[in-house]
Protein backbone atom coordinates (compact mmCIF):
# COMPACT_ATOMS: atom_id res chain seq x y z
CA MET A 1 -7.30 5.16 -18.64
CA ASN A 2 -7.62 7.86 -16.16
CA TYR A 3 -9.34 7.15 -12.69
CA SER A 4 -8.92 10.70 -11.35
CA LEU A 5 -11.76 12.15 -9.34
CA PRO A 6 -12.83 15.91 -9.53
CA THR A 7 -10.66 17.89 -7.05
CA HIS A 8 -13.66 18.73 -4.75
CA TYR A 9 -14.36 14.99 -4.19
CA ILE A 10 -10.66 14.65 -3.52
CA LYS A 11 -10.79 17.48 -0.92
CA LYS A 12 -13.89 16.19 0.86
CA PHE A 13 -12.35 12.60 1.26
CA LEU A 14 -8.90 14.05 2.31
CA LYS A 15 -10.45 16.55 4.81
CA ASP A 16 -12.06 13.69 6.56
CA LEU A 17 -8.46 12.46 7.02
CA GLU A 18 -7.33 15.50 8.85
CA SER A 19 -8.81 14.06 11.89
CA LEU A 20 -6.10 11.41 11.84
CA GLU A 21 -3.77 11.47 15.03
CA GLU A 22 -0.89 13.78 14.43
CA GLY A 23 1.81 11.71 12.97
CA GLN A 24 -0.24 9.38 10.91
CA LEU A 25 0.39 9.29 7.37
CA ILE A 26 -1.33 7.85 4.15
CA VAL A 27 0.18 5.26 2.10
CA PHE A 28 -0.91 4.69 -1.49
CA ASP A 29 0.06 2.23 -4.43
CA ARG A 30 1.11 3.61 -7.93
CA GLU A 31 -2.54 3.25 -9.11
CA PHE A 32 -3.57 6.34 -6.85
CA ILE A 33 -1.11 8.72 -8.10
CA TYR A 34 -1.91 12.00 -9.86
CA GLU A 35 -1.25 15.39 -9.69
CA ASP A 36 -4.78 16.53 -8.07
CA LEU A 37 -4.32 14.05 -5.25
CA LEU A 38 -0.77 15.18 -4.64
CA GLU A 39 -1.89 19.15 -4.85
CA VAL A 40 -4.69 18.51 -1.98
CA MET A 41 -2.74 16.27 0.23
CA SER A 42 0.02 19.17 0.04
CA GLU A 43 -2.55 21.81 0.61
CA LEU A 44 -3.91 19.89 3.72
CA ARG A 45 -0.43 19.24 4.87
CA LEU A 46 -1.15 15.41 5.03
CA ARG A 47 1.88 13.05 5.29
CA PHE A 48 1.98 10.64 2.38
CA VAL A 49 4.00 7.81 1.04
CA ILE A 50 3.23 6.87 -2.44
CA ARG A 51 4.69 4.35 -4.84
CA LEU A 52 5.70 6.01 -8.20
CA ASN A 53 4.11 4.74 -11.22
CA THR A 54 7.19 5.01 -13.90
CA GLY A 55 5.35 3.40 -16.57
CA ASN A 56 3.68 6.67 -17.82
CA ARG A 57 6.93 8.26 -18.42
CA VAL A 58 6.57 10.48 -15.41
CA SER A 59 8.44 13.66 -14.98
CA ILE A 60 10.45 14.51 -12.03
CA THR A 61 12.64 17.90 -11.93
CA ASP A 62 14.92 19.26 -9.78
CA THR A 63 14.64 22.79 -8.33
CA ASN A 64 16.23 24.42 -11.68
CA GLY A 65 13.43 22.62 -13.49
CA GLN A 66 15.98 20.17 -14.97
CA LYS A 67 14.60 16.49 -15.63
CA ILE A 68 15.84 13.92 -13.39
CA VAL A 69 16.58 10.47 -15.06
CA LEU A 70 15.37 7.85 -12.97
CA GLY A 71 17.67 4.83 -12.91
CA ILE A 72 19.31 2.66 -10.34
CA ALA A 73 21.51 -0.39 -10.27
CA ARG A 74 20.62 -3.65 -8.70
CA GLY A 75 21.46 -3.42 -4.96
CA GLU A 76 21.49 0.16 -4.88
CA LYS A 77 19.37 2.82 -3.04
CA LYS A 78 19.24 6.45 -4.17
CA ILE A 79 17.38 9.44 -2.83
CA TRP A 80 16.36 12.69 -4.46
CA ARG A 81 15.26 15.52 -1.94
CA ASP A 82 12.98 18.50 -2.69
CA VAL A 83 12.36 17.47 -6.07
CA TYR A 84 9.08 18.08 -8.31
CA TYR A 85 6.40 15.73 -9.35
CA LYS A 86 5.32 17.17 -13.00
CA GLY A 87 7.21 20.21 -12.42
CA ASN A 88 4.61 21.22 -9.63
CA ILE A 89 4.58 19.19 -6.44
CA LYS A 90 7.49 19.25 -4.06
CA VAL A 91 8.35 15.95 -2.87
CA ASN A 92 11.21 13.70 -1.74
CA LEU A 93 11.99 10.62 -3.98
CA VAL A 94 13.64 7.23 -2.89
CA ALA A 95 14.66 4.58 -5.17
CA TYR A 96 15.55 0.90 -4.18
CA ARG A 97 16.36 -1.90 -6.22
CA ARG A 98 16.91 -5.31 -4.48
CA SER A 99 19.53 -7.35 -6.17
CA ASP A 100 17.35 -10.07 -6.85
CA LEU A 101 14.37 -8.24 -8.49
CA GLU A 102 14.19 -6.93 -12.16
CA ASP A 103 12.50 -3.53 -11.49
CA PRO A 104 13.50 -0.90 -8.91
CA LEU A 105 10.89 0.58 -6.52
CA TYR A 106 10.50 4.40 -6.50
CA VAL A 107 8.70 6.05 -3.40
CA MET A 108 7.42 9.53 -3.25
CA THR A 109 6.84 11.24 0.10
CA ASN A 110 6.80 14.42 1.94
CA ILE A 111 8.54 12.90 4.98
CA GLU A 112 12.05 11.41 5.48
CA PRO A 113 12.82 9.30 2.40
CA GLU A 114 14.55 6.50 4.55
CA GLU A 115 11.31 6.36 6.72
CA ALA A 116 9.01 6.17 3.71
CA LEU A 117 10.94 3.40 2.00
CA LYS A 118 10.89 1.28 5.09
CA ILE A 119 6.97 1.97 5.41
CA TYR A 120 6.37 1.19 2.05
CA LEU A 121 8.46 -2.18 2.04
CA GLN A 122 6.33 -3.08 5.21
CA ARG A 123 3.21 -2.47 3.04
CA MET A 124 4.47 -4.57 0.21
CA LYS A 125 4.70 -7.43 2.64
CA ILE A 126 0.82 -7.32 2.56
CA ASP A 127 0.73 -7.15 -1.34
CA GLU A 128 3.39 -10.07 -1.60
CA SER A 129 1.15 -12.09 0.71
CA PHE A 130 -2.21 -11.27 -1.03
CA ARG A 131 -0.45 -12.08 -4.42
CA ASP A 132 1.03 -15.48 -3.07
CA ASN A 133 -2.31 -16.49 -1.77
CA LYS A 134 -4.00 -15.69 -5.03
CA ASN A 135 -1.33 -17.84 -6.97
CA LEU A 136 -1.87 -20.53 -4.47
CA LEU A 137 -5.68 -20.57 -5.23
CA GLY A 138 -5.16 -20.17 -8.89
CA ILE A 139 -6.94 -16.76 -9.30
CA GLU A 140 -3.92 -14.46 -10.29
CA LYS A 141 -6.13 -12.75 -12.50
CA VAL A 142 -8.82 -11.54 -10.06
CA MET A 143 -9.06 -7.87 -9.92
CA ASN A 144 -11.65 -5.76 -8.11
CA LYS A 145 -12.56 -3.30 -10.76
CA LYS A 146 -15.77 -5.30 -11.52
CA GLU A 147 -18.57 -6.21 -9.02
CA GLU A 148 -18.41 -10.04 -9.80
CA ASN A 149 -14.74 -10.02 -8.99
CA THR A 150 -15.16 -7.94 -5.78
CA GLU A 151 -17.69 -10.63 -4.60
CA LYS A 152 -15.21 -13.33 -5.42
CA MET A 153 -12.75 -11.67 -3.15
CA ILE A 154 -15.11 -11.30 -0.46
CA GLY A 155 -15.80 -15.08 -0.58
CA ILE A 156 -12.21 -15.89 -0.57
CA ALA A 157 -11.73 -13.74 2.67
CA LEU A 158 -14.66 -15.25 4.35
CA ILE A 159 -13.45 -18.86 3.31
CA ALA A 160 -9.82 -17.92 4.83
CA TYR A 161 -11.52 -16.74 7.62
CA ALA A 162 -13.45 -19.71 8.30
CA ILE A 163 -10.53 -21.74 7.69
CA GLY A 164 -8.44 -19.79 10.11
CA LEU A 165 -11.42 -19.82 12.82
CA LEU A 166 -11.63 -23.76 12.53
CA ILE A 167 -7.99 -24.28 12.68
CA GLY A 168 -7.67 -22.05 15.90
CA GLU A 169 -10.46 -23.75 17.49
CA GLU A 170 -8.92 -27.16 16.90
CA LEU A 171 -5.66 -25.91 18.06
CA ARG A 172 -7.15 -24.52 21.26
CA ASP A 173 -9.03 -27.61 21.86
CA ARG A 174 -5.85 -29.59 21.75
CA MET A 175 -3.67 -27.18 23.60
CA TYR A 176 -5.85 -26.37 26.38
CA THR A 177 -7.70 -28.86 28.43
CA GLY A 178 -9.58 -28.88 31.65
CA LYS A 179 -10.52 -25.44 33.38
CA GLY A 180 -7.98 -23.71 31.29
CA LYS A 181 -10.13 -24.29 28.26
CA LEU A 182 -12.85 -22.04 29.51
CA LYS A 183 -10.55 -18.91 29.46
CA TYR A 184 -10.49 -18.80 25.78
CA SER A 185 -13.59 -17.77 23.74
CA GLY A 186 -14.64 -19.65 20.50
CA PHE A 187 -17.39 -22.08 19.82
CA ARG A 188 -18.77 -24.52 22.55
CA TYR A 189 -19.58 -27.58 21.16
CA THR A 190 -19.66 -31.24 22.11
CA ILE A 191 -19.85 -34.28 19.68
């Protein structure tokens, strides 16, 4: 299934991002990778880090147009500089495969590959935490492609926030007593 938007929508969206402070970059997951997006980001000179979706037999070529075979051993990191995504868009590519994981991670970028990998691994911590929370709640299959599922996720977020707020209030009440308690915001209630 192709989720790509017309190029003029992509340009409008990304032009709005041009106002980002210098040095900022955009991080995308593999669902968002397609040629038009990369072309527009390159044209606008936006810095990006994108996880490469290798499931659709993507083509990465070197400067001579020779196809690069993507493969990496467990525990290895590999870098390809100045390669071309689908033969058209110049990128750097870094591959990383933890020794305890089955599949390698491929990250495309137009910044230093080592920095891109570090950034993407930090982003993955958020995804892993979110996945663990969904597993804990027994909702592994909830995806936000339908309105109903989006509503479920908003509900979960609100419940999590409420629980965090109540736990925080209880901890504050136990930790801070007397006049010190008044320095911290939160509900003021008595029983």
